[in-house]
Amino acid sequence: MCRNITTLRGLEPPATDEEITAAALQFVRKVTGVTKVSDATREPVEQATQEITDIVTRLLDALPERRQPPKTVPPLRRAEVQERIAQRIKEREEHERMHELGVAHTH
């Protein structure tokens, strides 16, 4: 888990819903210490993430524009992060396919 939450105010183009939700989830994980969501933590983590997403969205809409864009690029806008996400999705789809086919594999 990253130590810092990226600044979303002043991005061009503006922060997407996905970027705001990712920052909210990162905040929830950091303050709760929940690094992997389980069945026991799923509902409260998802609820808190949604509430924080809503608050941050309203906050970003209410603040005046920045004179300068943020110095750091949000993770979801970085090529290497997009590649990791694509790889995880590919691996997850392959894993699910193996389950569907009944192919023996390790977890």
PDB file of N, CA and C in Angstrom:
ATOM      1  N   MET A   1       0.848  -1.176   0.000  1.00  0.00           N
ATOM      2  CA  MET A   1       0.000   0.000   0.000  1.00  0.00           C
ATOM      3  C   MET A   1       0.892   1.237   0.000  1.00  0.00           C
ATOM      4  N   CYS A   2       0.523   2.206  -0.809  1.00  0.00           N
ATOM      5  CA  CYS A   2       1.282   3.451  -0.871  1.00  0.00           C
ATOM      6  C   CYS A   2       1.150   4.234   0.428  1.00  0.00           C
ATOM      7  N   ARG A   3       2.134   5.028   0.709  1.00  0.00           N
ATOM      8  CA  ARG A   3       2.115   5.846   1.916  1.00  0.00           C
ATOM      9  C   ARG A   3       1.418   7.170   1.692  1.00  0.00           C
ATOM     10  N   ASN A   4       1.371   7.623   0.453  1.00  0.00           N
ATOM     11  CA  ASN A   4       0.823   8.936   0.158  1.00  0.00           C
ATOM     12  C   ASN A   4      -0.403   8.833  -0.728  1.00  0.00           C
ATOM     13  N   ILE A   5      -1.338   9.732  -0.482  1.00  0.00           N
ATOM     14  CA  ILE A   5      -2.494   9.850  -1.344  1.00  0.00           C
ATOM     15  C   ILE A   5      -2.205  11.020  -2.278  1.00  0.00           C
ATOM     16  N   THR A   6      -2.350  10.810  -3.570  1.00  0.00           N
ATOM     17  CA  THR A   6      -2.012  11.805  -4.568  1.00  0.00           C
ATOM     18  C   THR A   6      -3.019  12.953  -4.572  1.00  0.00           C
ATOM     19  N   THR A   7      -2.531  14.156  -4.801  1.00  0.00           N
ATOM     20  CA  THR A   7      -3.389  15.336  -4.913  1.00  0.00           C
ATOM     21  C   THR A   7      -4.226  15.221  -6.180  1.00  0.00           C
ATOM     22  N   LEU A   8      -5.531  15.399  -6.048  1.00  0.00           N
ATOM     23  CA  LEU A   8      -6.438  15.299  -7.181  1.00  0.00           C
ATOM     24  C   LEU A   8      -6.936  16.656  -7.655  1.00  0.00           C
ATOM     25  N   ARG A   9      -6.859  17.650  -6.806  1.00  0.00           N
ATOM     26  CA  ARG A   9      -7.339  18.987  -7.162  1.00  0.00           C
ATOM     27  C   ARG A   9      -6.397  19.617  -8.187  1.00  0.00           C
ATOM     28  N   GLY A  10      -6.967  20.150  -9.253  1.00  0.00           N
ATOM     29  CA  GLY A  10      -6.181  20.860 -10.253  1.00  0.00           C
ATOM     30  C   GLY A  10      -5.661  20.008 -11.385  1.00  0.00           C
ATOM     31  N   LEU A  11      -6.078  18.754 -11.450  1.00  0.00           N
ATOM     32  CA  LEU A  11      -5.623  17.897 -12.546  1.00  0.00           C
ATOM     33  C   LEU A  11      -6.274  18.333 -13.848  1.00  0.00           C
ATOM     34  N   GLU A  12      -5.541  18.144 -14.933  1.00  0.00           N
ATOM     35  CA  GLU A  12      -6.067  18.386 -16.278  1.00  0.00           C
ATOM     36  C   GLU A  12      -5.873  17.119 -17.087  1.00  0.00           C
ATOM     37  N   PRO A  13      -6.899  16.462 -17.526  1.00  0.00           N
ATOM     38  CA  PRO A  13      -8.294  16.725 -17.223  1.00  0.00           C
ATOM     39  C   PRO A  13      -8.594  16.469 -15.746  1.00  0.00           C
ATOM     40  N   PRO A  14      -9.743  16.958 -15.264  1.00  0.00           N
ATOM     41  CA  PRO A  14     -10.076  16.806 -13.847  1.00  0.00           C
ATOM     42  C   PRO A  14     -10.081  15.347 -13.397  1.00  0.00           C
ATOM     43  N   ALA A  15      -9.946  15.153 -12.104  1.00  0.00           N
ATOM     44  CA  ALA A  15      -9.947  13.797 -11.519  1.00  0.00           C
ATOM     45  C   ALA A  15     -11.224  13.062 -11.911  1.00  0.00           C
ATOM     46  N   THR A  16     -11.052  11.804 -12.256  1.00  0.00           N
ATOM     47  CA  THR A  16     -12.199  10.975 -12.629  1.00  0.00           C
ATOM     48  C   THR A  16     -12.822  10.374 -11.375  1.00  0.00           C
ATOM     49  N   ASP A  17     -14.019   9.833 -11.528  1.00  0.00           N
ATOM     50  CA  ASP A  17     -14.674   9.144 -10.414  1.00  0.00           C
ATOM     51  C   ASP A  17     -13.808   7.977  -9.935  1.00  0.00           C
ATOM     52  N   GLU A  18     -13.187   7.283 -10.879  1.00  0.00           N
ATOM     53  CA  GLU A  18     -12.329   6.143 -10.542  1.00  0.00           C
ATOM     54  C   GLU A  18     -11.117   6.593  -9.708  1.00  0.00           C
ATOM     55  N   GLU A  19     -10.514   7.721 -10.057  1.00  0.00           N
ATOM     56  CA  GLU A  19      -9.363   8.238  -9.301  1.00  0.00           C
ATOM     57  C   GLU A  19      -9.778   8.673  -7.897  1.00  0.00           C
ATOM     58  N   ILE A  20     -10.936   9.306  -7.797  1.00  0.00           N
ATOM     59  CA  ILE A  20     -11.421   9.741  -6.479  1.00  0.00           C
ATOM     60  C   ILE A  20     -11.734   8.528  -5.614  1.00  0.00           C
ATOM     61  N   THR A  21     -12.381   7.521  -6.177  1.00  0.00           N
ATOM     62  CA  THR A  21     -12.692   6.301  -5.430  1.00  0.00           C
ATOM     63  C   THR A  21     -11.421   5.578  -5.003  1.00  0.00           C
ATOM     64  N   ALA A  22     -10.419   5.526  -5.871  1.00  0.00           N
ATOM     65  CA  ALA A  22      -9.145   4.876  -5.528  1.00  0.00           C
ATOM     66  C   ALA A  22      -8.473   5.597  -4.363  1.00  0.00           C
ATOM     67  N   ALA A  23      -8.502   6.930  -4.366  1.00  0.00           N
ATOM     68  CA  ALA A  23      -7.916   7.696  -3.268  1.00  0.00           C
ATOM     69  C   ALA A  23      -8.693   7.462  -1.976  1.00  0.00           C
ATOM     70  N   ALA A  24     -10.028   7.403  -2.079  1.00  0.00           N
ATOM     71  CA  ALA A  24     -10.855   7.155  -0.895  1.00  0.00           C
ATOM     72  C   ALA A  24     -10.562   5.776  -0.314  1.00  0.00           C
ATOM     73  N   LEU A  25     -10.455   4.762  -1.174  1.00  0.00           N
ATOM     74  CA  LEU A  25     -10.144   3.408  -0.703  1.00  0.00           C
ATOM     75  C   LEU A  25      -8.759   3.367  -0.060  1.00  0.00           C
ATOM     76  N   GLN A  26      -7.810   4.062  -0.652  1.00  0.00           N
ATOM     77  CA  GLN A  26      -6.459   4.103  -0.086  1.00  0.00           C
ATOM     78  C   GLN A  26      -6.497   4.730   1.306  1.00  0.00           C
ATOM     79  N   PHE A  27      -7.270   5.798   1.467  1.00  0.00           N
ATOM     80  CA  PHE A  27      -7.418   6.449   2.770  1.00  0.00           C
ATOM     81  C   PHE A  27      -8.042   5.486   3.777  1.00  0.00           C
ATOM     82  N   VAL A  28      -9.114   4.818   3.390  1.00  0.00           N
ATOM     83  CA  VAL A  28      -9.787   3.876   4.290  1.00  0.00           C
ATOM     84  C   VAL A  28      -8.840   2.756   4.692  1.00  0.00           C
ATOM     85  N   ARG A  29      -8.104   2.207   3.755  1.00  0.00           N
ATOM     86  CA  ARG A  29      -7.147   1.139   4.071  1.00  0.00           C
ATOM     87  C   ARG A  29      -6.069   1.626   5.040  1.00  0.00           C
ATOM     88  N   LYS A  30      -5.599   2.846   4.811  1.00  0.00           N
ATOM     89  CA  LYS A  30      -4.532   3.382   5.654  1.00  0.00           C
ATOM     90  C   LYS A  30      -5.005   3.582   7.087  1.00  0.00           C
ATOM     91  N   VAL A  31      -6.166   4.221   7.275  1.00  0.00           N
ATOM     92  CA  VAL A  31      -6.608   4.538   8.630  1.00  0.00           C
ATOM     93  C   VAL A  31      -7.128   3.319   9.374  1.00  0.00           C
ATOM     94  N   THR A  32      -7.578   2.287   8.638  1.00  0.00           N
ATOM     95  CA  THR A  32      -8.092   1.092   9.309  1.00  0.00           C
ATOM     96  C   THR A  32      -7.052  -0.013   9.446  1.00  0.00           C
ATOM     97  N   GLY A  33      -6.024   0.036   8.628  1.00  0.00           N
ATOM     98  CA  GLY A  33      -5.044  -1.047   8.640  1.00  0.00           C
ATOM     99  C   GLY A  33      -5.512  -2.264   7.870  1.00  0.00           C
ATOM    100  N   VAL A  34      -6.631  -2.156   7.170  1.00  0.00           N
ATOM    101  CA  VAL A  34      -7.156  -3.256   6.365  1.00  0.00           C
ATOM    102  C   VAL A  34      -6.469  -3.209   5.010  1.00  0.00           C
ATOM    103  N   THR A  35      -5.567  -4.152   4.772  1.00  0.00           N
ATOM    104  CA  THR A  35      -4.852  -4.153   3.501  1.00  0.00           C
ATOM    105  C   THR A  35      -5.542  -5.037   2.476  1.00  0.00           C
ATOM    106  N   LYS A  36      -6.215  -6.079   2.931  1.00  0.00           N
ATOM    107  CA  LYS A  36      -6.988  -6.947   2.040  1.00  0.00           C
ATOM    108  C   LYS A  36      -8.398  -7.033   2.590  1.00  0.00           C
ATOM    109  N   VAL A  37      -9.360  -6.730   1.737  1.00  0.00           N
ATOM    110  CA  VAL A  37     -10.751  -6.761   2.158  1.00  0.00           C
ATOM    111  C   VAL A  37     -11.203  -8.212   2.232  1.00  0.00           C
ATOM    112  N   SER A  38     -11.803  -8.575   3.368  1.00  0.00           N
ATOM    113  CA  SER A  38     -12.335  -9.920   3.563  1.00  0.00           C
ATOM    114  C   SER A  38     -13.854  -9.833   3.648  1.00  0.00           C
ATOM    115  N   ASP A  39     -14.503 -10.970   3.790  1.00  0.00           N
ATOM    116  CA  ASP A  39     -15.956 -10.965   3.947  1.00  0.00           C
ATOM    117  C   ASP A  39     -16.365 -10.186   5.193  1.00  0.00           C
ATOM    118  N   ALA A  40     -15.552 -10.245   6.237  1.00  0.00           N
ATOM    119  CA  ALA A  40     -15.869  -9.558   7.489  1.00  0.00           C
ATOM    120  C   ALA A  40     -15.700  -8.042   7.388  1.00  0.00           C
ATOM    121  N   THR A  41     -14.830  -7.587   6.497  1.00  0.00           N
ATOM    122  CA  THR A  41     -14.559  -6.144   6.400  1.00  0.00           C
ATOM    123  C   THR A  41     -15.157  -5.491   5.159  1.00  0.00           C
ATOM    124  N   ARG A  42     -15.647  -6.302   4.222  1.00  0.00           N
ATOM    125  CA  ARG A  42     -16.105  -5.779   2.930  1.00  0.00           C
ATOM    126  C   ARG A  42     -17.162  -4.683   3.064  1.00  0.00           C
ATOM    127  N   GLU A  43     -18.237  -4.933   3.768  1.00  0.00           N
ATOM    128  CA  GLU A  43     -19.336  -3.962   3.842  1.00  0.00           C
ATOM    129  C   GLU A  43     -18.913  -2.641   4.484  1.00  0.00           C
ATOM    130  N   PRO A  44     -18.273  -2.648   5.666  1.00  0.00           N
ATOM    131  CA  PRO A  44     -17.891  -1.353   6.241  1.00  0.00           C
ATOM    132  C   PRO A  44     -16.840  -0.615   5.414  1.00  0.00           C
ATOM    133  N   VAL A  45     -15.925  -1.335   4.786  1.00  0.00           N
ATOM    134  CA  VAL A  45     -14.904  -0.685   3.954  1.00  0.00           C
ATOM    135  C   VAL A  45     -15.551  -0.072   2.722  1.00  0.00           C
ATOM    136  N   GLU A  46     -16.449  -0.816   2.069  1.00  0.00           N
ATOM    137  CA  GLU A  46     -17.114  -0.283   0.880  1.00  0.00           C
ATOM    138  C   GLU A  46     -17.993   0.917   1.231  1.00  0.00           C
ATOM    139  N   GLN A  47     -18.692   0.850   2.367  1.00  0.00           N
ATOM    140  CA  GLN A  47     -19.546   1.965   2.774  1.00  0.00           C
ATOM    141  C   GLN A  47     -18.709   3.209   3.071  1.00  0.00           C
ATOM    142  N   ALA A  48     -17.626   3.045   3.827  1.00  0.00           N
ATOM    143  CA  ALA A  48     -16.760   4.177   4.153  1.00  0.00           C
ATOM    144  C   ALA A  48     -16.130   4.753   2.883  1.00  0.00           C
ATOM    145  N   THR A  49     -15.696   3.887   1.986  1.00  0.00           N
ATOM    146  CA  THR A  49     -15.094   4.348   0.733  1.00  0.00           C
ATOM    147  C   THR A  49     -16.095   5.168  -0.080  1.00  0.00           C
ATOM    148  N   GLN A  50     -17.342   4.701  -0.146  1.00  0.00           N
ATOM    149  CA  GLN A  50     -18.363   5.441  -0.898  1.00  0.00           C
ATOM    150  C   GLN A  50     -18.641   6.790  -0.255  1.00  0.00           C
ATOM    151  N   GLU A  51     -18.743   6.822   1.073  1.00  0.00           N
ATOM    152  CA  GLU A  51     -19.003   8.089   1.760  1.00  0.00           C
ATOM    153  C   GLU A  51     -17.862   9.084   1.554  1.00  0.00           C
ATOM    154  N   ILE A  52     -16.633   8.604   1.651  1.00  0.00           N
ATOM    155  CA  ILE A  52     -15.474   9.481   1.453  1.00  0.00           C
ATOM    156  C   ILE A  52     -15.401   9.935  -0.004  1.00  0.00           C
ATOM    157  N   THR A  53     -15.716   9.055  -0.941  1.00  0.00           N
ATOM    158  CA  THR A  53     -15.752   9.425  -2.357  1.00  0.00           C
ATOM    159  C   THR A  53     -16.741  10.565  -2.579  1.00  0.00           C
ATOM    160  N   ASP A  54     -17.921  10.442  -1.991  1.00  0.00           N
ATOM    161  CA  ASP A  54     -18.939  11.488  -2.134  1.00  0.00           C
ATOM    162  C   ASP A  54     -18.465  12.816  -1.548  1.00  0.00           C
ATOM    163  N   ILE A  55     -17.853  12.750  -0.368  1.00  0.00           N
ATOM    164  CA  ILE A  55     -17.356  13.961   0.297  1.00  0.00           C
ATOM    165  C   ILE A  55     -16.256  14.620  -0.531  1.00  0.00           C
ATOM    166  N   VAL A  56     -15.312  13.831  -1.013  1.00  0.00           N
ATOM    167  CA  VAL A  56     -14.200  14.379  -1.796  1.00  0.00           C
ATOM    168  C   VAL A  56     -14.709  14.970  -3.112  1.00  0.00           C
ATOM    169  N   THR A  57     -15.669  14.314  -3.740  1.00  0.00           N
ATOM    170  CA  THR A  57     -16.238  14.846  -4.980  1.00  0.00           C
ATOM    171  C   THR A  57     -16.855  16.215  -4.736  1.00  0.00           C
ATOM    172  N   ARG A  58     -17.642  16.336  -3.674  1.00  0.00           N
ATOM    173  CA  ARG A  58     -18.249  17.636  -3.354  1.00  0.00           C
ATOM    174  C   ARG A  58     -17.178  18.668  -3.019  1.00  0.00           C
ATOM    175  N   LEU A  59     -16.175  18.258  -2.281  1.00  0.00           N
ATOM    176  CA  LEU A  59     -15.093  19.160  -1.903  1.00  0.00           C
ATOM    177  C   LEU A  59     -14.349  19.680  -3.129  1.00  0.00           C
ATOM    178  N   LEU A  60     -13.969  18.789  -4.027  1.00  0.00           N
ATOM    179  CA  LEU A  60     -13.249  19.209  -5.237  1.00  0.00           C
ATOM    180  C   LEU A  60     -14.100  20.142  -6.093  1.00  0.00           C
ATOM    181  N   ASP A  61     -15.411  19.890  -6.138  1.00  0.00           N
ATOM    182  CA  ASP A  61     -16.304  20.772  -6.899  1.00  0.00           C
ATOM    183  C   ASP A  61     -16.420  22.148  -6.256  1.00  0.00           C
ATOM    184  N   ALA A  62     -16.320  22.224  -4.922  1.00  0.00           N
ATOM    185  CA  ALA A  62     -16.520  23.481  -4.200  1.00  0.00           C
ATOM    186  C   ALA A  62     -15.268  24.355  -4.145  1.00  0.00           C
ATOM    187  N   LEU A  63     -14.098  23.748  -4.250  1.00  0.00           N
ATOM    188  CA  LEU A  63     -12.852  24.513  -4.141  1.00  0.00           C
ATOM    189  C   LEU A  63     -12.578  25.311  -5.414  1.00  0.00           C
ATOM    190  N   PRO A  64     -11.913  26.471  -5.273  1.00  0.00           N
ATOM    191  CA  PRO A  64     -11.534  27.223  -6.476  1.00  0.00           C
ATOM    192  C   PRO A  64     -10.450  26.472  -7.249  1.00  0.00           C
ATOM    193  N   GLU A  65     -10.313  26.832  -8.523  1.00  0.00           N
ATOM    194  CA  GLU A  65      -9.288  26.182  -9.350  1.00  0.00           C
ATOM    195  C   GLU A  65      -7.902  26.524  -8.826  1.00  0.00           C
ATOM    196  N   ARG A  66      -6.972  25.602  -9.046  1.00  0.00           N
ATOM    197  CA  ARG A  66      -5.572  25.834  -8.666  1.00  0.00           C
ATOM    198  C   ARG A  66      -4.878  26.652  -9.737  1.00  0.00           C
ATOM    199  N   ARG A  67      -3.895  27.392  -9.316  1.00  0.00           N
ATOM    200  CA  ARG A  67      -3.092  28.155 -10.282  1.00  0.00           C
ATOM    201  C   ARG A  67      -2.092  27.245 -10.988  1.00  0.00           C
ATOM    202  N   GLN A  68      -1.621  26.239 -10.273  1.00  0.00           N
ATOM    203  CA  GLN A  68      -0.632  25.292 -10.808  1.00  0.00           C
ATOM    204  C   GLN A  68      -1.181  23.875 -10.640  1.00  0.00           C
ATOM    205  N   PRO A  69      -0.924  23.003 -11.596  1.00  0.00           N
ATOM    206  CA  PRO A  69      -1.357  21.612 -11.417  1.00  0.00           C
ATOM    207  C   PRO A  69      -0.517  20.942 -10.326  1.00  0.00           C
ATOM    208  N   PRO A  70      -1.010  19.834  -9.769  1.00  0.00           N
ATOM    209  CA  PRO A  70      -0.224  19.110  -8.768  1.00  0.00           C
ATOM    210  C   PRO A  70       1.111  18.652  -9.350  1.00  0.00           C
ATOM    211  N   LYS A  71       2.109  18.483  -8.478  1.00  0.00           N
ATOM    212  CA  LYS A  71       3.449  18.087  -8.924  1.00  0.00           C
ATOM    213  C   LYS A  71       3.535  16.608  -9.273  1.00  0.00           C
ATOM    214  N   THR A  72       2.670  15.806  -8.679  1.00  0.00           N
ATOM    215  CA  THR A  72       2.723  14.370  -8.932  1.00  0.00           C
ATOM    216  C   THR A  72       1.552  13.939  -9.804  1.00  0.00           C
ATOM    217  N   VAL A  73       1.784  12.903 -10.574  1.00  0.00           N
ATOM    218  CA  VAL A  73       0.753  12.341 -11.440  1.00  0.00           C
ATOM    219  C   VAL A  73       0.041  11.240 -10.656  1.00  0.00           C
ATOM    220  N   PRO A  74      -1.294  11.263 -10.633  1.00  0.00           N
ATOM    221  CA  PRO A  74      -2.016  10.208  -9.915  1.00  0.00           C
ATOM    222  C   PRO A  74      -1.671   8.830 -10.463  1.00  0.00           C
ATOM    223  N   PRO A  75      -1.654   7.831  -9.599  1.00  0.00           N
ATOM    224  CA  PRO A  75      -1.272   6.484 -10.035  1.00  0.00           C
ATOM    225  C   PRO A  75      -2.061   5.967 -11.237  1.00  0.00           C
ATOM    226  N   LEU A  76      -3.374   6.203 -11.271  1.00  0.00           N
ATOM    227  CA  LEU A  76      -4.167   5.671 -12.379  1.00  0.00           C
ATOM    228  C   LEU A  76      -3.850   6.326 -13.712  1.00  0.00           C
ATOM    229  N   ARG A  77      -3.036   7.373 -13.706  1.00  0.00           N
ATOM    230  CA  ARG A  77      -2.623   8.028 -14.954  1.00  0.00           C
ATOM    231  C   ARG A  77      -1.208   7.622 -15.360  1.00  0.00           C
ATOM    232  N   ARG A  78      -0.595   6.735 -14.600  1.00  0.00           N
ATOM    233  CA  ARG A  78       0.774   6.291 -14.904  1.00  0.00           C
ATOM    234  C   ARG A  78       0.730   5.000 -15.714  1.00  0.00           C
ATOM    235  N   ALA A  79       1.527   4.947 -16.760  1.00  0.00           N
ATOM    236  CA  ALA A  79       1.533   3.781 -17.658  1.00  0.00           C
ATOM    237  C   ALA A  79       1.864   2.497 -16.917  1.00  0.00           C
ATOM    238  N   GLU A  80       2.861   2.543 -16.021  1.00  0.00           N
ATOM    239  CA  GLU A  80       3.264   1.313 -15.335  1.00  0.00           C
ATOM    240  C   GLU A  80       2.159   0.783 -14.423  1.00  0.00           C
ATOM    241  N   VAL A  81       1.364   1.680 -13.864  1.00  0.00           N
ATOM    242  CA  VAL A  81       0.246   1.250 -13.013  1.00  0.00           C
ATOM    243  C   VAL A  81      -0.843   0.633 -13.886  1.00  0.00           C
ATOM    244  N   GLN A  82      -1.142   1.249 -15.016  1.00  0.00           N
ATOM    245  CA  GLN A  82      -2.135   0.700 -15.934  1.00  0.00           C
ATOM    246  C   GLN A  82      -1.719  -0.691 -16.423  1.00  0.00           C
ATOM    247  N   GLU A  83      -0.425  -0.884 -16.648  1.00  0.00           N
ATOM    248  CA  GLU A  83       0.079  -2.200 -17.068  1.00  0.00           C
ATOM    249  C   GLU A  83      -0.128  -3.232 -15.964  1.00  0.00           C
ATOM    250  N   ARG A  84       0.167  -2.850 -14.698  1.00  0.00           N
ATOM    251  CA  ARG A  84      -0.040  -3.770 -13.571  1.00  0.00           C
ATOM    252  C   ARG A  84      -1.515  -4.129 -13.420  1.00  0.00           C
ATOM    253  N   ILE A  85      -2.388  -3.141 -13.569  1.00  0.00           N
ATOM    254  CA  ILE A  85      -3.821  -3.390 -13.467  1.00  0.00           C
ATOM    255  C   ILE A  85      -4.264  -4.349 -14.567  1.00  0.00           C
ATOM    256  N   ALA A  86      -3.814  -4.111 -15.790  1.00  0.00           N
ATOM    257  CA  ALA A  86      -4.171  -4.979 -16.913  1.00  0.00           C
ATOM    258  C   ALA A  86      -3.669  -6.402 -16.679  1.00  0.00           C
ATOM    259  N   GLN A  87      -2.471  -6.542 -16.129  1.00  0.00           N
ATOM    260  CA  GLN A  87      -1.907  -7.864 -15.854  1.00  0.00           C
ATOM    261  C   GLN A  87      -2.726  -8.588 -14.787  1.00  0.00           C
ATOM    262  N   ARG A  88      -3.115  -7.869 -13.723  1.00  0.00           N
ATOM    263  CA  ARG A  88      -3.938  -8.473 -12.666  1.00  0.00           C
ATOM    264  C   ARG A  88      -5.279  -8.937 -13.212  1.00  0.00           C
ATOM    265  N   ILE A  89      -5.889  -8.112 -14.058  1.00  0.00           N
ATOM    266  CA  ILE A  89      -7.171  -8.484 -14.652  1.00  0.00           C
ATOM    267  C   ILE A  89      -7.010  -9.736 -15.507  1.00  0.00           C
ATOM    268  N   LYS A  90      -5.945  -9.772 -16.304  1.00  0.00           N
ATOM    269  CA  LYS A  90      -5.677 -10.930 -17.154  1.00  0.00           C
ATOM    270  C   LYS A  90      -5.480 -12.189 -16.309  1.00  0.00           C
ATOM    271  N   GLU A  91      -4.691 -12.081 -15.227  1.00  0.00           N
ATOM    272  CA  GLU A  91      -4.450 -13.229 -14.358  1.00  0.00           C
ATOM    273  C   GLU A  91      -5.726 -13.678 -13.673  1.00  0.00           C
ATOM    274  N   ARG A  92      -6.549 -12.724 -13.218  1.00  0.00           N
ATOM    275  CA  ARG A  92      -7.809 -13.067 -12.551  1.00  0.00           C
ATOM    276  C   ARG A  92      -8.744 -13.783 -13.520  1.00  0.00           C
ATOM    277  N   GLU A  93      -8.830 -13.277 -14.763  1.00  0.00           N
ATOM    278  CA  GLU A  93      -9.685 -13.915 -15.765  1.00  0.00           C
ATOM    279  C   GLU A  93      -9.206 -15.326 -16.079  1.00  0.00           C
ATOM    280  N   GLU A  94      -7.896 -15.506 -16.188  1.00  0.00           N
ATOM    281  CA  GLU A  94      -7.339 -16.834 -16.448  1.00  0.00           C
ATOM    282  C   GLU A  94      -7.626 -17.768 -15.282  1.00  0.00           C
ATOM    283  N   HIS A  95      -7.495 -17.277 -14.070  1.00  0.00           N
ATOM    284  CA  HIS A  95      -7.763 -18.084 -12.868  1.00  0.00           C
ATOM    285  C   HIS A  95      -9.236 -18.517 -12.845  1.00  0.00           C
ATOM    286  N   GLU A  96     -10.130 -17.590 -13.125  1.00  0.00           N
ATOM    287  CA  GLU A  96     -11.558 -17.915 -13.151  1.00  0.00           C
ATOM    288  C   GLU A  96     -11.865 -18.914 -14.252  1.00  0.00           C
ATOM    289  N   ARG A  97     -11.196 -18.771 -15.391  1.00  0.00           N
ATOM    290  CA  ARG A  97     -11.379 -19.718 -16.490  1.00  0.00           C
ATOM    291  C   ARG A  97     -10.956 -21.118 -16.091  1.00  0.00           C
ATOM    292  N   MET A  98      -9.857 -21.217 -15.356  1.00  0.00           N
ATOM    293  CA  MET A  98      -9.393 -22.526 -14.888  1.00  0.00           C
ATOM    294  C   MET A  98     -10.427 -23.157 -13.951  1.00  0.00           C
ATOM    295  N   HIS A  99     -11.046 -22.339 -13.099  1.00  0.00           N
ATOM    296  CA  HIS A  99     -12.103 -22.855 -12.224  1.00  0.00           C
ATOM    297  C   HIS A  99     -13.275 -23.368 -13.053  1.00  0.00           C
ATOM    298  N   GLU A 100     -13.685 -22.585 -14.046  1.00  0.00           N
ATOM    299  CA  GLU A 100     -14.816 -22.968 -14.887  1.00  0.00           C
ATOM    300  C   GLU A 100     -14.554 -24.273 -15.630  1.00  0.00           C
ATOM    301  N   LEU A 101     -13.312 -24.460 -16.066  1.00  0.00           N
ATOM    302  CA  LEU A 101     -12.943 -25.679 -16.799  1.00  0.00           C
ATOM    303  C   LEU A 101     -12.636 -26.842 -15.878  1.00  0.00           C
ATOM    304  N   GLY A 102     -12.533 -26.575 -14.598  1.00  0.00           N
ATOM    305  CA  GLY A 102     -12.209 -27.633 -13.645  1.00  0.00           C
ATOM    306  C   GLY A 102     -10.748 -28.070 -13.705  1.00  0.00           C
ATOM    307  N   VAL A 103      -9.882 -27.180 -14.162  1.00  0.00           N
ATOM    308  CA  VAL A 103      -8.455 -27.480 -14.284  1.00  0.00           C
ATOM    309  C   VAL A 103      -7.796 -27.323 -12.912  1.00  0.00           C
ATOM    310  N   ALA A 104      -6.998 -28.313 -12.521  1.00  0.00           N
ATOM    311  CA  ALA A 104      -6.278 -28.244 -11.256  1.00  0.00           C
ATOM    312  C   ALA A 104      -5.242 -27.136 -11.338  1.00  0.00           C
ATOM    313  N   HIS A 105      -5.142 -26.368 -10.256  1.00  0.00           N
ATOM    314  CA  HIS A 105      -4.177 -25.277 -10.195  1.00  0.00           C
ATOM    315  C   HIS A 105      -3.936 -24.920  -8.741  1.00  0.00           C
ATOM    316  N   THR A 106      -2.967 -24.063  -8.517  1.00  0.00           N
ATOM    317  CA  THR A 106      -2.663 -23.637  -7.142  1.00  0.00           C
ATOM    318  C   THR A 106      -3.213 -22.241  -6.901  1.00  0.00           C
ATOM    319  N   HIS A 107      -3.395 -21.938  -5.629  1.00  0.00           N
ATOM    320  CA  HIS A 107      -3.890 -20.596  -5.242  1.00  0.00           C
ATOM    321  C   HIS A 107      -2.793 -19.847  -4.563  1.00  0.00           C
TER     322      HIS A 107
END
